[in-house]
Every structure is written in structure tokens, then in C-alpha cells.
Amino acid sequence: MSFYGDFLVQLGVVRQDELAAALAEQAEGRTRLGDLAVARGLLTPEQVEQVRRCQRGPHLAHGDLRFGELAVALGFATTAQMEALHAEQRAGWRRIGEILVKNGAIDAATHESYLRDFVHTELIRRRRLEASMAEAPHPRVVEQMVDLARRWLPRFGLADAKVVDVRIAPRATRGVTWAGRRSLVGPVEILTFLAVSTPGLAAIARSTERPVVEGRPDLALPALAELVDTLTELLRDRLGDLALAPATSETFPDDGFQALADLVAERDLLQVEFVHGAPAGTTERAVLTLVTRQP
């Protein structure tokens, strides 16, 4: 998934098939840090799997660390070794615009011009989103949960997750059909809803090593529950001074809005929409809804 590439397609500067070819070429050079560590003999496959399991385990002391940080914390590598590995990983990464230029889909001068426009547009969009989150009820809760979602959705198979909209009036999101909910109760009650598409649910199931059964996406709902539980447990850790306790937890099929029907009148509600990559190369949506209210 490439937001700059999508920007160029929407403007008619490059074709969808040209972008798809560039994305495929980019993916070939994108090596996961764990795979690179094994290839260089720094970690064993068993150690890489242990790091990844710990990344999905919020009950563990190191659950909120990134892969390289966690490998160091577990004693598998030194900080210097992981920094060198990161540098090698970055050196092999090629930007989508550079690939499009190399492939002749766009010339260098045009690319530079549209890239400036894209960066400017993105800056305005980010400022608007940040302002919306800052004005939300309990902005500290919102800031921490959105940061956690950005970090953890990719770990659960929702690649390149990015916030595209923030709103205080909940609305249905097309294609979002499965939802999970969990509550935290303390000085403030926090209701967390996460709704995803069917491909998103399948990606989450694969990341947690659960089988994906053709025609029965509902069987993957425990994987969504694990993701929602992970987010809320990590939020509890980050908001330790509030002494929050977990309450209800459930998952269910949804039309992207039905789960919120009894919350439409809530004043302290914020809905955050993400886009993320899916295994088929498509762009899917996920919606995080937070309600913060007095218990």
C-alpha cells in the first residue's frame, strides 16, 4: 500500500497497474527485521519466533517494545548489532516514487513536483487530525490508544495502518463487518470498539496463527478479541495512575454502525478511521471508536 502512489493514481498521473507493479517490486526488497537477523546469523528462527510471540503478549513486561528493542531486552542481541541491522534494512528500502521513475511511469521532474504537493497535503491533514484528537474528551486516553493502534495493528496483520479520519459523530464505514468491544472501568469508564473488514479479520487470524476457514469468517473472531484485549491491556499499563480494571469483552458481526447504535447520543465519543493493507494487495478499513464517560 502506498498513499503517495494512490495520490498519483487519483490524479491520473500513473495507472493502477503501474502502481501495482511498483508495489510488487518494492515488496521484494522489503525484508522483515527478523528474517534479516536470521539471514545474517544474528538470531535463530526460534529466537525470532519468541520475539514475535512476546510482541503479541501485553501481559509480558516487554510487550510494547518494537522487534529490535525486544530482541535486545531478551538478551538475543546487543543494541549496536540491532542498529546495524536496522541500517541494512533501511538501505534496501526503495521509495515508491523512485521505482515509478525507474520504470518510466513518471518522469523525475513530475515526480518531484507531485511529491511536494503530496507532502503539503499530508501535513495539513495531519494537523487537522491532531487538532481533532486534542479537542476530544479525555485527550490523553485518545492519544495513547491511537498510538497503540498505530503500533499494534501492523503486528496483527493490518499492514501500514494509518489514520485517515477523526470524527465525533459516528457513522457507518463501508466494508467494516466485524467488531470487538472491551471496557475498562476506574475514575473514568473507557469503552473501546474495534471494527474491521472480512479481509482484515482474516489477516488478524493469520497473524495469531489461527486457521482461516473459507466461508466462515466468524470463526476468526477470537483473533479480533485478542487484538482488542491487547490494546486495552496496554492502555491500562500506560494509564497506570488511573487504576483501571477490565470489564466486559465481546465480539460480534456488525454492519459498521450497529454496534454503536446505543452510543449515538454519547457526548464523549470519538471515532478514528484507519486504512491498512490487506494480503491481496487491496486497501481495507478499520474503525476504532472510544467512549470515555463517568462510570
Protein backbone atom coordinates (compact mmCIF):
# COMPACT_ATOMS: atom_id res chain seq x y z
CA MET A 1 0.00 0.00 0.00
CA SER A 2 1.30 3.44 -0.89
CA PHE A 3 -0.51 6.64 0.00
CA TYR A 4 1.67 8.64 -2.37
CA GLY A 5 1.03 6.09 -5.10
CA ASP A 6 -2.72 6.25 -4.51
CA PHE A 7 -2.45 10.05 -4.67
CA LEU A 8 -0.84 9.81 -8.12
CA VAL A 9 -3.47 7.32 -9.34
CA GLN A 10 -6.33 9.53 -8.16
CA LEU A 11 -4.85 12.46 -10.10
CA GLY A 12 -4.45 10.31 -13.20
CA VAL A 13 -0.67 10.73 -13.24
CA VAL A 14 0.05 6.98 -13.16
CA ARG A 15 -2.13 3.97 -13.90
CA GLN A 16 -3.31 1.47 -11.29
CA ASP A 17 -1.40 -1.36 -12.98
CA GLU A 18 1.80 0.71 -12.97
CA LEU A 19 1.40 1.33 -9.24
CA ALA A 20 0.68 -2.37 -8.60
CA ALA A 21 3.87 -3.36 -10.42
CA ALA A 22 5.89 -0.81 -8.44
CA LEU A 23 4.42 -2.03 -5.15
CA ALA A 24 5.30 -5.63 -6.02
CA GLU A 25 8.87 -4.59 -6.81
CA GLN A 26 9.08 -2.61 -3.57
CA ALA A 27 7.81 -5.59 -1.55
CA GLU A 28 10.55 -7.82 -2.98
CA GLY A 29 13.20 -5.59 -1.40
CA ARG A 30 11.40 -5.18 1.92
CA THR A 31 12.92 -7.68 4.32
CA ARG A 32 11.46 -8.09 7.79
CA LEU A 33 13.97 -7.38 10.52
CA GLY A 34 13.62 -10.87 11.98
CA ASP A 35 14.23 -12.53 8.62
CA LEU A 36 17.27 -10.34 8.07
CA ALA A 37 18.59 -11.23 11.53
CA VAL A 38 18.34 -14.94 10.69
CA ALA A 39 20.00 -14.45 7.29
CA ARG A 40 22.93 -12.69 8.96
CA GLY A 41 23.23 -15.35 11.66
CA LEU A 42 22.41 -12.90 14.43
CA LEU A 43 19.27 -14.71 15.64
CA THR A 44 17.93 -18.22 15.23
CA PRO A 45 14.44 -18.81 13.77
CA GLU A 46 13.34 -19.94 17.25
CA GLN A 47 14.53 -16.68 18.80
CA VAL A 48 12.73 -14.65 16.13
CA GLU A 49 9.51 -16.53 16.84
CA GLN A 50 9.95 -15.95 20.57
CA VAL A 51 10.37 -12.21 19.98
CA ARG A 52 7.22 -12.14 17.83
CA ARG A 53 5.22 -14.06 20.44
CA CYS A 54 6.33 -11.59 23.09
CA GLN A 55 5.28 -8.72 20.83
CA ARG A 56 1.74 -10.11 20.90
CA GLY A 57 1.79 -10.67 24.66
CA PRO A 58 0.78 -7.49 26.54
CA HIS A 59 0.88 -9.42 29.82
CA LEU A 60 4.66 -9.66 29.41
CA ALA A 61 6.92 -6.91 30.69
CA HIS A 62 8.33 -6.19 27.22
CA GLY A 63 5.08 -6.35 25.26
CA ASP A 64 5.08 -2.75 23.99
CA LEU A 65 8.62 -2.80 22.55
CA ARG A 66 9.47 -2.96 18.86
CA PHE A 67 11.19 -6.03 17.41
CA GLY A 68 14.76 -4.75 17.70
CA GLU A 69 14.22 -3.33 21.19
CA LEU A 70 12.67 -6.58 22.34
CA ALA A 71 15.49 -8.70 20.87
CA VAL A 72 17.94 -6.63 22.95
CA ALA A 73 15.74 -6.81 26.07
CA LEU A 74 15.59 -10.61 25.79
CA GLY A 75 19.38 -10.80 25.53
CA PHE A 76 19.46 -12.14 21.96
CA ALA A 77 21.48 -9.23 20.53
CA THR A 78 23.21 -6.00 21.50
CA THR A 79 21.91 -2.52 20.74
CA ALA A 80 24.81 -1.97 18.32
CA GLN A 81 24.01 -5.17 16.44
CA MET A 82 20.35 -4.25 16.04
CA GLU A 83 21.20 -0.70 14.95
CA ALA A 84 23.48 -2.09 12.26
CA LEU A 85 20.70 -4.44 11.15
CA HIS A 86 18.22 -1.55 11.01
CA ALA A 87 20.66 0.41 8.86
CA GLU A 88 20.99 -2.51 6.45
CA GLN A 89 17.21 -2.88 6.31
CA ARG A 90 16.74 0.82 5.53
CA ALA A 91 19.43 0.72 2.84
CA GLY A 92 17.45 -1.92 0.96
CA TRP A 93 14.21 0.03 1.15
CA ARG A 94 13.19 1.90 -2.02
CA ARG A 95 10.54 4.60 -2.13
CA ILE A 96 7.59 4.04 -4.42
CA GLY A 97 8.24 7.27 -6.34
CA GLU A 98 11.79 6.21 -7.15
CA ILE A 99 10.53 2.89 -8.53
CA LEU A 100 7.85 4.59 -10.63
CA VAL A 101 10.52 6.87 -12.12
CA LYS A 102 12.85 3.93 -12.82
CA ASN A 103 10.01 2.04 -14.52
CA GLY A 104 9.14 5.02 -16.72
CA ALA A 105 5.64 5.50 -15.26
CA ILE A 106 6.50 9.10 -14.38
CA ASP A 107 9.50 11.34 -15.10
CA ALA A 108 11.73 12.64 -12.31
CA ALA A 109 10.68 16.29 -12.55
CA THR A 110 6.97 15.45 -12.45
CA HIS A 111 7.58 13.11 -9.51
CA GLU A 112 9.35 15.83 -7.52
CA SER A 113 6.55 18.32 -8.22
CA TYR A 114 3.75 15.97 -7.17
CA LEU A 115 5.74 14.76 -4.16
CA ARG A 116 5.90 18.33 -2.85
CA ASP A 117 2.14 18.65 -3.31
CA PHE A 118 1.57 15.34 -1.53
CA VAL A 119 3.80 16.26 1.43
CA HIS A 120 1.99 19.60 1.79
CA THR A 121 -1.42 17.92 1.65
CA GLU A 122 -0.33 15.32 4.21
CA LEU A 123 0.94 17.98 6.59
CA ILE A 124 -2.38 19.83 6.51
CA ARG A 125 -4.27 16.56 7.02
CA ARG A 126 -2.12 15.50 9.98
CA ARG A 127 -2.53 18.85 11.69
CA ARG A 128 -6.30 18.60 11.30
CA LEU A 129 -6.37 15.08 12.73
CA GLU A 130 -4.11 16.02 15.64
CA ALA A 131 -6.30 19.03 16.43
CA SER A 132 -9.42 16.85 16.38
CA MET A 133 -7.88 14.34 18.79
CA ALA A 134 -6.62 17.11 21.09
CA GLU A 135 -10.13 18.54 21.34
CA ALA A 136 -11.68 15.15 22.18
CA PRO A 137 -12.93 14.28 25.66
CA HIS A 138 -10.04 12.86 27.70
CA PRO A 139 -7.39 13.59 25.04
CA ARG A 140 -4.77 11.65 26.97
CA VAL A 141 -6.81 8.46 26.58
CA VAL A 142 -7.32 9.14 22.87
CA GLU A 143 -3.66 9.95 22.24
CA GLN A 144 -2.43 6.78 23.94
CA MET A 145 -4.96 4.47 22.31
CA VAL A 146 -4.39 5.85 18.81
CA ASP A 147 -0.63 5.49 19.29
CA LEU A 148 -1.12 1.90 20.42
CA ALA A 149 -3.35 1.15 17.43
CA ARG A 150 -0.77 2.57 15.03
CA ARG A 151 1.91 0.34 16.56
CA TRP A 152 -0.12 -2.82 17.06
CA LEU A 153 -2.47 -3.11 14.08
CA PRO A 154 0.50 -3.93 11.80
CA ARG A 155 1.73 -6.53 14.32
CA PHE A 156 -1.66 -8.22 14.00
CA GLY A 157 -1.52 -8.36 10.21
CA LEU A 158 -3.05 -4.98 9.29
CA ALA A 159 -0.03 -3.65 7.42
CA ASP A 160 0.84 0.06 7.15
CA ALA A 161 -2.10 1.17 9.30
CA LYS A 162 -2.67 4.90 9.03
CA VAL A 163 -5.27 7.31 10.47
CA VAL A 164 -7.34 8.91 7.71
CA ASP A 165 -10.23 10.48 9.62
CA VAL A 166 -11.26 11.51 13.12
CA ARG A 167 -14.88 12.35 13.93
CA ILE A 168 -17.14 12.88 16.92
CA ALA A 169 -20.31 11.84 15.10
CA PRO A 170 -20.18 8.06 14.49
CA ARG A 171 -21.11 6.83 11.05
CA ALA A 172 -21.07 3.56 9.16
CA THR A 173 -17.93 2.67 7.23
CA ARG A 174 -18.39 0.61 4.10
CA GLY A 175 -16.89 -2.87 4.22
CA VAL A 176 -16.44 -2.94 8.01
CA THR A 177 -18.37 -6.02 9.12
CA TRP A 178 -16.84 -7.44 12.33
CA ALA A 179 -16.45 -5.77 15.70
CA GLY A 180 -14.87 -6.35 19.09
CA ARG A 181 -15.55 -4.44 22.29
CA ARG A 182 -13.91 -4.22 25.69
CA SER A 183 -14.49 -1.95 28.67
CA LEU A 184 -12.16 -0.54 31.31
CA VAL A 185 -13.57 0.92 34.50
CA GLY A 186 -11.98 3.25 37.03
CA PRO A 187 -12.27 7.00 37.67
CA VAL A 188 -13.39 7.07 34.04
CA GLU A 189 -15.09 4.31 32.05
CA ILE A 190 -13.45 3.61 28.69
CA LEU A 191 -15.36 1.66 26.04
CA THR A 192 -13.19 0.50 23.14
CA PHE A 193 -14.71 -0.75 19.88
CA LEU A 194 -12.60 -2.01 17.00
CA ALA A 195 -14.39 -2.88 13.75
CA VAL A 196 -12.67 -4.44 10.71
CA SER A 197 -13.48 -5.82 7.27
CA THR A 198 -13.60 -9.54 6.47
CA PRO A 199 -10.12 -9.47 4.83
CA GLY A 200 -8.85 -7.59 7.86
CA LEU A 201 -10.28 -10.21 10.19
CA ALA A 202 -8.60 -12.95 8.15
CA ALA A 203 -5.26 -11.12 8.34
CA ILE A 204 -5.58 -10.84 12.12
CA ALA A 205 -6.36 -14.56 12.37
CA ARG A 206 -3.27 -15.48 10.33
CA SER A 207 -1.05 -13.27 12.47
CA THR A 208 -2.22 -15.10 15.59
CA GLU A 209 -1.75 -18.48 13.89
CA ARG A 210 -5.47 -19.28 13.82
CA PRO A 211 -6.98 -21.14 10.87
CA VAL A 212 -8.96 -19.16 8.32
CA VAL A 213 -11.94 -21.21 7.11
CA GLU A 214 -13.39 -20.34 3.70
CA GLY A 215 -16.93 -19.06 4.11
CA ARG A 216 -16.73 -18.92 7.92
CA PRO A 217 -15.02 -15.66 8.85
CA ASP A 218 -16.88 -15.69 12.17
CA LEU A 219 -14.56 -18.47 13.33
CA ALA A 220 -11.75 -15.90 13.34
CA LEU A 221 -13.47 -13.64 15.88
CA PRO A 222 -11.31 -14.91 18.79
CA ALA A 223 -8.33 -13.37 16.98
CA LEU A 224 -10.09 -10.00 16.91
CA ALA A 225 -10.86 -10.40 20.62
CA GLU A 226 -7.14 -10.98 21.25
CA LEU A 227 -6.26 -7.77 19.42
CA VAL A 228 -8.85 -5.71 21.33
CA ASP A 229 -7.71 -7.24 24.64
CA THR A 230 -4.10 -6.45 23.75
CA LEU A 231 -4.87 -2.81 23.01
CA THR A 232 -6.87 -2.31 26.19
CA GLU A 233 -4.34 -4.09 28.41
CA LEU A 234 -1.55 -1.94 27.04
CA LEU A 235 -3.73 1.13 27.57
CA ARG A 236 -4.17 0.09 31.21
CA ASP A 237 -0.40 -0.06 31.57
CA ARG A 238 0.08 3.38 30.04
CA LEU A 239 -2.67 4.88 32.23
CA GLY A 240 -1.50 3.13 35.39
CA ASP A 241 -2.28 6.12 37.59
CA LEU A 242 -6.00 5.69 36.83
CA ALA A 243 -6.14 2.16 38.32
CA LEU A 244 -8.40 0.89 35.53
CA ALA A 245 -9.94 -2.58 35.78
CA PRO A 246 -11.14 -4.66 32.81
CA ALA A 247 -14.88 -5.23 32.49
CA THR A 248 -16.97 -6.62 29.63
CA SER A 249 -15.45 -8.08 26.46
CA GLU A 250 -17.28 -9.37 23.37
CA THR A 251 -17.04 -9.82 19.59
CA PHE A 252 -19.85 -9.92 17.05
CA PRO A 253 -20.77 -9.46 13.39
CA ASP A 254 -21.66 -5.87 12.62
CA ASP A 255 -22.54 -3.55 9.76
CA GLY A 256 -20.01 -0.94 10.80
CA PHE A 257 -22.56 1.06 12.79
CA GLN A 258 -24.99 -1.23 14.57
CA ALA A 259 -22.60 -1.85 17.45
CA LEU A 260 -22.72 1.87 18.23
CA ALA A 261 -26.49 2.27 17.97
CA ASP A 262 -26.89 2.64 21.74
CA LEU A 263 -23.98 5.11 21.89
CA VAL A 264 -25.03 7.65 19.27
CA ALA A 265 -26.24 10.02 21.96
CA GLU A 266 -22.96 9.78 23.89
CA ARG A 267 -21.25 13.15 24.15
CA ASP A 268 -17.81 11.75 24.93
CA LEU A 269 -17.38 9.64 21.80
CA LEU A 270 -14.64 9.73 19.20
CA GLN A 271 -14.34 7.59 16.06
CA VAL A 272 -10.94 7.10 14.42
CA GLU A 273 -10.80 5.58 10.94
CA PHE A 274 -7.70 3.71 9.73
CA VAL A 275 -6.74 2.35 6.33
CA HIS A 276 -4.39 -0.60 6.11
CA GLY A 277 -3.00 -3.03 3.57
CA ALA A 278 -4.53 -6.47 3.07
CA PRO A 279 -2.86 -9.71 1.89
CA ALA A 280 -4.47 -9.40 -1.56
CA GLY A 281 -2.81 -6.03 -2.06
CA THR A 282 -6.03 -4.09 -1.53
CA THR A 283 -6.67 -1.26 0.92
CA GLU A 284 -9.08 -2.03 3.75
CA ARG A 285 -10.56 0.00 6.58
CA ALA A 286 -10.70 -0.41 10.34
CA VAL A 287 -12.60 1.82 12.74
CA LEU A 288 -11.59 2.46 16.35
CA THR A 289 -14.32 4.01 18.49
CA LEU A 290 -13.66 5.32 22.00
CA VAL A 291 -16.25 6.35 24.55
CA THR A 292 -14.91 7.96 27.72
CA ARG A 293 -17.52 8.71 30.37
CA GLN A 294 -18.12 8.77 34.07
CA PRO A 295 -18.90 5.26 35.39
